[in-house]
Amino acid sequence: TGSGGKGKTTKTKMTRVDGDAMRVAKEIGLLVADMHNSNIVHGDLTTSNIMMRNPPSLDGAVLDGTPRLVLIDFGLAGTAGNKGVSHEERAVDLYVLERAFEATHPGSKALVEEALVEEALRAYKGRCKTSDSVFQRLAQVRMRGRKRECFG
């Protein structure tokens, strides 16, 4: 799109949400739920730390096995120790993931929140054994996060 300046143009990259994107969002939610059900928190749950094993080729053919998502970089991860993994830690994982979706898709915040994040959270809720408590805590984490953004 044009910027109105002399000879300058800017491009806006929009996120396209289709069936494939929704399936990936759902798989992310299920993957995180499985991790949390195993009493593991990631500690840095960003989209950069989610990889696809056996991705399809550009023409859609599966080259070597079934495509699936895997989490990487557990350097900040926590596991159930004497006290176990808290709902707070699980909620922070989800909050960081929400923020990562938004940062990965700038200019598409409403679309991302309404589609991709909601699909991931819906899948998480359906599989995570403690999702009700985690979502209650997530609401609190979101409020604290927004206050930090506004007031530094």
C-alpha atoms as a PDB file:
ATOM      1  CA  THR A   1       0.000   0.000   0.000  1.00  0.00           C
ATOM      2  CA  GLY A   2       1.191   3.522  -0.632  1.00  0.00           C
ATOM      3  CA  SER A   3       2.327   5.743   2.208  1.00  0.00           C
ATOM      4  CA  GLY A   4       1.424   9.028   0.562  1.00  0.00           C
ATOM      5  CA  GLY A   5       5.076  10.086   0.415  1.00  0.00           C
ATOM      6  CA  LYS A   6       7.128  10.579  -2.724  1.00  0.00           C
ATOM      7  CA  GLY A   7       7.931   7.204  -4.140  1.00  0.00           C
ATOM      8  CA  LYS A   8       7.751   5.461  -0.773  1.00  0.00           C
ATOM      9  CA  THR A   9       5.641   2.416  -0.268  1.00  0.00           C
ATOM     10  CA  THR A  10       5.108   0.292   2.762  1.00  0.00           C
ATOM     11  CA  LYS A  11       3.894  -3.241   2.919  1.00  0.00           C
ATOM     12  CA  THR A  12       1.619  -4.512   5.618  1.00  0.00           C
ATOM     13  CA  LYS A  13       1.902  -8.207   6.248  1.00  0.00           C
ATOM     14  CA  MET A  14      -1.437  -9.595   7.341  1.00  0.00           C
ATOM     15  CA  THR A  15      -2.002 -12.912   9.013  1.00  0.00           C
ATOM     16  CA  ARG A  16      -4.242 -15.283   7.130  1.00  0.00           C
ATOM     17  CA  VAL A  17      -6.207 -17.565   9.386  1.00  0.00           C
ATOM     18  CA  ASP A  18      -7.257 -20.679   7.533  1.00  0.00           C
ATOM     19  CA  GLY A  19      -7.923 -24.287   8.453  1.00  0.00           C
ATOM     20  CA  ASP A  20      -4.212 -25.097   8.631  1.00  0.00           C
ATOM     21  CA  ALA A  21      -3.542 -22.192  11.016  1.00  0.00           C
ATOM     22  CA  MET A  22      -6.448 -23.251  13.227  1.00  0.00           C
ATOM     23  CA  ARG A  23      -5.199 -26.863  13.308  1.00  0.00           C
ATOM     24  CA  VAL A  24      -1.743 -25.687  14.342  1.00  0.00           C
ATOM     25  CA  ALA A  25      -3.249 -23.451  17.058  1.00  0.00           C
ATOM     26  CA  LYS A  26      -5.252 -26.415  18.364  1.00  0.00           C
ATOM     27  CA  GLU A  27      -2.158 -28.630  18.356  1.00  0.00           C
ATOM     28  CA  ILE A  28      -0.268 -25.968  20.311  1.00  0.00           C
ATOM     29  CA  GLY A  29      -2.997 -25.933  22.945  1.00  0.00           C
ATOM     30  CA  LEU A  30      -2.963 -29.724  23.211  1.00  0.00           C
ATOM     31  CA  LEU A  31       0.832 -29.828  23.389  1.00  0.00           C
ATOM     32  CA  VAL A  32       0.937 -27.272  26.209  1.00  0.00           C
ATOM     33  CA  ALA A  33      -1.851 -29.084  28.082  1.00  0.00           C
ATOM     34  CA  ASP A  34       0.068 -32.365  27.853  1.00  0.00           C
ATOM     35  CA  MET A  35       3.187 -30.642  29.164  1.00  0.00           C
ATOM     36  CA  HIS A  36       1.275 -29.056  32.054  1.00  0.00           C
ATOM     37  CA  ASN A  37      -0.493 -32.358  32.828  1.00  0.00           C
ATOM     38  CA  SER A  38       3.006 -33.834  33.198  1.00  0.00           C
ATOM     39  CA  ASN A  39       3.774 -31.142  35.802  1.00  0.00           C
ATOM     40  CA  ILE A  40       6.227 -29.292  33.573  1.00  0.00           C
ATOM     41  CA  VAL A  41       6.180 -25.581  32.842  1.00  0.00           C
ATOM     42  CA  HIS A  42       8.223 -24.288  29.931  1.00  0.00           C
ATOM     43  CA  GLY A  43       9.264 -20.896  31.252  1.00  0.00           C
ATOM     44  CA  ASP A  44       9.715 -19.325  27.792  1.00  0.00           C
ATOM     45  CA  LEU A  45       6.725 -20.522  25.811  1.00  0.00           C
ATOM     46  CA  THR A  46       7.035 -18.463  22.636  1.00  0.00           C
ATOM     47  CA  THR A  47       6.246 -19.392  19.063  1.00  0.00           C
ATOM     48  CA  SER A  48      10.025 -19.447  18.442  1.00  0.00           C
ATOM     49  CA  ASN A  49      10.237 -22.430  20.780  1.00  0.00           C
ATOM     50  CA  ILE A  50       7.707 -24.502  18.854  1.00  0.00           C
ATOM     51  CA  MET A  51       9.029 -26.443  15.893  1.00  0.00           C
ATOM     52  CA  MET A  52       7.398 -28.742  13.362  1.00  0.00           C
ATOM     53  CA  ARG A  53       8.860 -32.195  12.991  1.00  0.00           C
ATOM     54  CA  ASN A  54       8.368 -33.755   9.537  1.00  0.00           C
ATOM     55  CA  PRO A  55       6.849 -30.652   7.919  1.00  0.00           C
ATOM     56  CA  PRO A  56       4.933 -31.151   4.678  1.00  0.00           C
ATOM     57  CA  SER A  57       6.681 -30.202   1.462  1.00  0.00           C
ATOM     58  CA  LEU A  58       5.729 -27.001  -0.311  1.00  0.00           C
ATOM     59  CA  ASP A  59       3.398 -28.956  -2.582  1.00  0.00           C
ATOM     60  CA  GLY A  60       1.634 -30.438   0.469  1.00  0.00           C
ATOM     61  CA  ALA A  61       3.099 -33.926   0.252  1.00  0.00           C
ATOM     62  CA  VAL A  62       4.345 -35.470   3.477  1.00  0.00           C
ATOM     63  CA  LEU A  63       7.993 -36.286   2.985  1.00  0.00           C
ATOM     64  CA  ASP A  64       8.997 -38.303   6.037  1.00  0.00           C
ATOM     65  CA  GLY A  65       6.347 -39.229   8.562  1.00  0.00           C
ATOM     66  CA  THR A  66       3.443 -37.325  10.015  1.00  0.00           C
ATOM     67  CA  PRO A  67       3.974 -33.613  10.700  1.00  0.00           C
ATOM     68  CA  ARG A  68       3.791 -32.786  14.400  1.00  0.00           C
ATOM     69  CA  LEU A  69       4.702 -29.945  16.700  1.00  0.00           C
ATOM     70  CA  VAL A  70       7.424 -30.212  19.322  1.00  0.00           C
ATOM     71  CA  LEU A  71       8.562 -27.843  22.040  1.00  0.00           C
ATOM     72  CA  ILE A  72      12.243 -26.894  22.270  1.00  0.00           C
ATOM     73  CA  ASP A  73      14.501 -24.883  24.604  1.00  0.00           C
ATOM     74  CA  PHE A  74      13.561 -26.014  28.081  1.00  0.00           C
ATOM     75  CA  GLY A  75      16.376 -23.962  29.636  1.00  0.00           C
ATOM     76  CA  LEU A  76      13.937 -22.057  31.867  1.00  0.00           C
ATOM     77  CA  ALA A  77      11.608 -24.997  32.480  1.00  0.00           C
ATOM     78  CA  GLY A  78      10.393 -26.068  35.876  1.00  0.00           C
ATOM     79  CA  THR A  79       9.148 -29.426  37.047  1.00  0.00           C
ATOM     80  CA  ALA A  80       7.201 -30.699  39.990  1.00  0.00           C
ATOM     81  CA  GLY A  81       9.519 -30.565  42.950  1.00  0.00           C
ATOM     82  CA  ASN A  82       8.498 -30.731  46.584  1.00  0.00           C
ATOM     83  CA  LYS A  83       5.703 -28.205  46.032  1.00  0.00           C
ATOM     84  CA  GLY A  84       4.804 -29.160  42.467  1.00  0.00           C
ATOM     85  CA  VAL A  85       4.080 -26.819  39.580  1.00  0.00           C
ATOM     86  CA  SER A  86       1.702 -24.011  40.502  1.00  0.00           C
ATOM     87  CA  HIS A  87      -1.328 -22.754  38.618  1.00  0.00           C
ATOM     88  CA  GLU A  88       0.491 -19.403  38.526  1.00  0.00           C
ATOM     89  CA  GLU A  89       3.410 -20.905  36.604  1.00  0.00           C
ATOM     90  CA  ARG A  90       1.067 -22.609  34.155  1.00  0.00           C
ATOM     91  CA  ALA A  91      -0.878 -19.348  33.693  1.00  0.00           C
ATOM     92  CA  VAL A  92       2.343 -17.434  33.036  1.00  0.00           C
ATOM     93  CA  ASP A  93       3.237 -19.989  30.340  1.00  0.00           C
ATOM     94  CA  LEU A  94      -0.132 -19.301  28.661  1.00  0.00           C
ATOM     95  CA  TYR A  95       0.249 -15.526  29.036  1.00  0.00           C
ATOM     96  CA  VAL A  96       3.707 -15.589  27.435  1.00  0.00           C
ATOM     97  CA  LEU A  97       2.292 -17.695  24.597  1.00  0.00           C
ATOM     98  CA  GLU A  98      -0.567 -15.205  24.049  1.00  0.00           C
ATOM     99  CA  ARG A  99       1.915 -12.334  23.917  1.00  0.00           C
ATOM    100  CA  ALA A 100       4.121 -14.280  21.516  1.00  0.00           C
ATOM    101  CA  PHE A 101       1.192 -14.822  19.127  1.00  0.00           C
ATOM    102  CA  GLU A 102       0.496 -11.077  19.193  1.00  0.00           C
ATOM    103  CA  ALA A 103       4.148 -10.190  18.625  1.00  0.00           C
ATOM    104  CA  THR A 104       4.463 -12.685  15.767  1.00  0.00           C
ATOM    105  CA  HIS A 105       1.408 -11.255  14.000  1.00  0.00           C
ATOM    106  CA  PRO A 106       1.606  -7.448  14.420  1.00  0.00           C
ATOM    107  CA  GLY A 107      -1.300  -5.527  12.990  1.00  0.00           C
ATOM    108  CA  SER A 108      -3.531  -8.560  13.344  1.00  0.00           C
ATOM    109  CA  LYS A 109      -4.101  -8.475  17.109  1.00  0.00           C
ATOM    110  CA  ALA A 110      -7.894  -8.803  16.999  1.00  0.00           C
ATOM    111  CA  LEU A 111      -7.717 -11.586  14.427  1.00  0.00           C
ATOM    112  CA  VAL A 112      -5.043 -13.443  16.370  1.00  0.00           C
ATOM    113  CA  GLU A 113      -6.838 -13.112  19.702  1.00  0.00           C
ATOM    114  CA  GLU A 114     -10.223 -14.084  18.326  1.00  0.00           C
ATOM    115  CA  ALA A 115      -9.030 -17.009  16.263  1.00  0.00           C
ATOM    116  CA  LEU A 116      -5.628 -18.500  16.921  1.00  0.00           C
ATOM    117  CA  VAL A 117      -5.255 -17.791  20.647  1.00  0.00           C
ATOM    118  CA  GLU A 118      -8.847 -18.764  21.368  1.00  0.00           C
ATOM    119  CA  GLU A 119      -8.434 -22.034  19.473  1.00  0.00           C
ATOM    120  CA  ALA A 120      -5.242 -22.863  21.371  1.00  0.00           C
ATOM    121  CA  LEU A 121      -6.880 -22.026  24.715  1.00  0.00           C
ATOM    122  CA  ARG A 122     -10.013 -24.009  23.853  1.00  0.00           C
ATOM    123  CA  ALA A 123      -7.894 -27.088  23.100  1.00  0.00           C
ATOM    124  CA  TYR A 124      -5.883 -26.524  26.276  1.00  0.00           C
ATOM    125  CA  LYS A 125      -9.064 -26.266  28.364  1.00  0.00           C
ATOM    126  CA  GLY A 126     -10.377 -29.504  26.918  1.00  0.00           C
ATOM    127  CA  ARG A 127      -7.240 -31.465  27.784  1.00  0.00           C
ATOM    128  CA  CYS A 128      -5.558 -29.873  30.823  1.00  0.00           C
ATOM    129  CA  LYS A 129      -6.730 -31.443  34.087  1.00  0.00           C
ATOM    130  CA  THR A 130      -6.376 -28.172  36.027  1.00  0.00           C
ATOM    131  CA  SER A 131      -7.549 -25.767  33.326  1.00  0.00           C
ATOM    132  CA  ASP A 132     -10.277 -24.104  35.426  1.00  0.00           C
ATOM    133  CA  SER A 133      -7.792 -23.073  38.109  1.00  0.00           C
ATOM    134  CA  VAL A 134      -5.178 -22.128  35.508  1.00  0.00           C
ATOM    135  CA  PHE A 135      -7.648 -19.898  33.637  1.00  0.00           C
ATOM    136  CA  GLN A 136      -8.666 -18.168  36.876  1.00  0.00           C
ATOM    137  CA  ARG A 137      -5.009 -17.421  37.519  1.00  0.00           C
ATOM    138  CA  LEU A 138      -4.470 -16.405  33.869  1.00  0.00           C
ATOM    139  CA  ALA A 139      -7.032 -13.619  34.292  1.00  0.00           C
ATOM    140  CA  GLN A 140      -4.958 -12.272  37.199  1.00  0.00           C
ATOM    141  CA  VAL A 141      -1.704 -12.597  35.269  1.00  0.00           C
ATOM    142  CA  ARG A 142      -3.224 -10.682  32.336  1.00  0.00           C
ATOM    143  CA  MET A 143      -4.260  -7.853  34.649  1.00  0.00           C
ATOM    144  CA  ARG A 144      -0.770  -7.586  36.147  1.00  0.00           C
ATOM    145  CA  GLY A 145       0.761  -7.706  32.669  1.00  0.00           C
ATOM    146  CA  ARG A 146      -1.443  -4.898  31.421  1.00  0.00           C
ATOM    147  CA  LYS A 147      -0.606  -2.752  34.442  1.00  0.00           C
ATOM    148  CA  ARG A 148       3.108  -3.238  33.794  1.00  0.00           C
ATOM    149  CA  GLU A 149       2.612  -2.206  30.154  1.00  0.00           C
ATOM    150  CA  CYS A 150       0.698   0.946  31.134  1.00  0.00           C
ATOM    151  CA  PHE A 151       2.703   2.052  34.135  1.00  0.00           C
ATOM    152  CA  GLY A 152       6.118   0.486  33.577  1.00  0.00           C
END
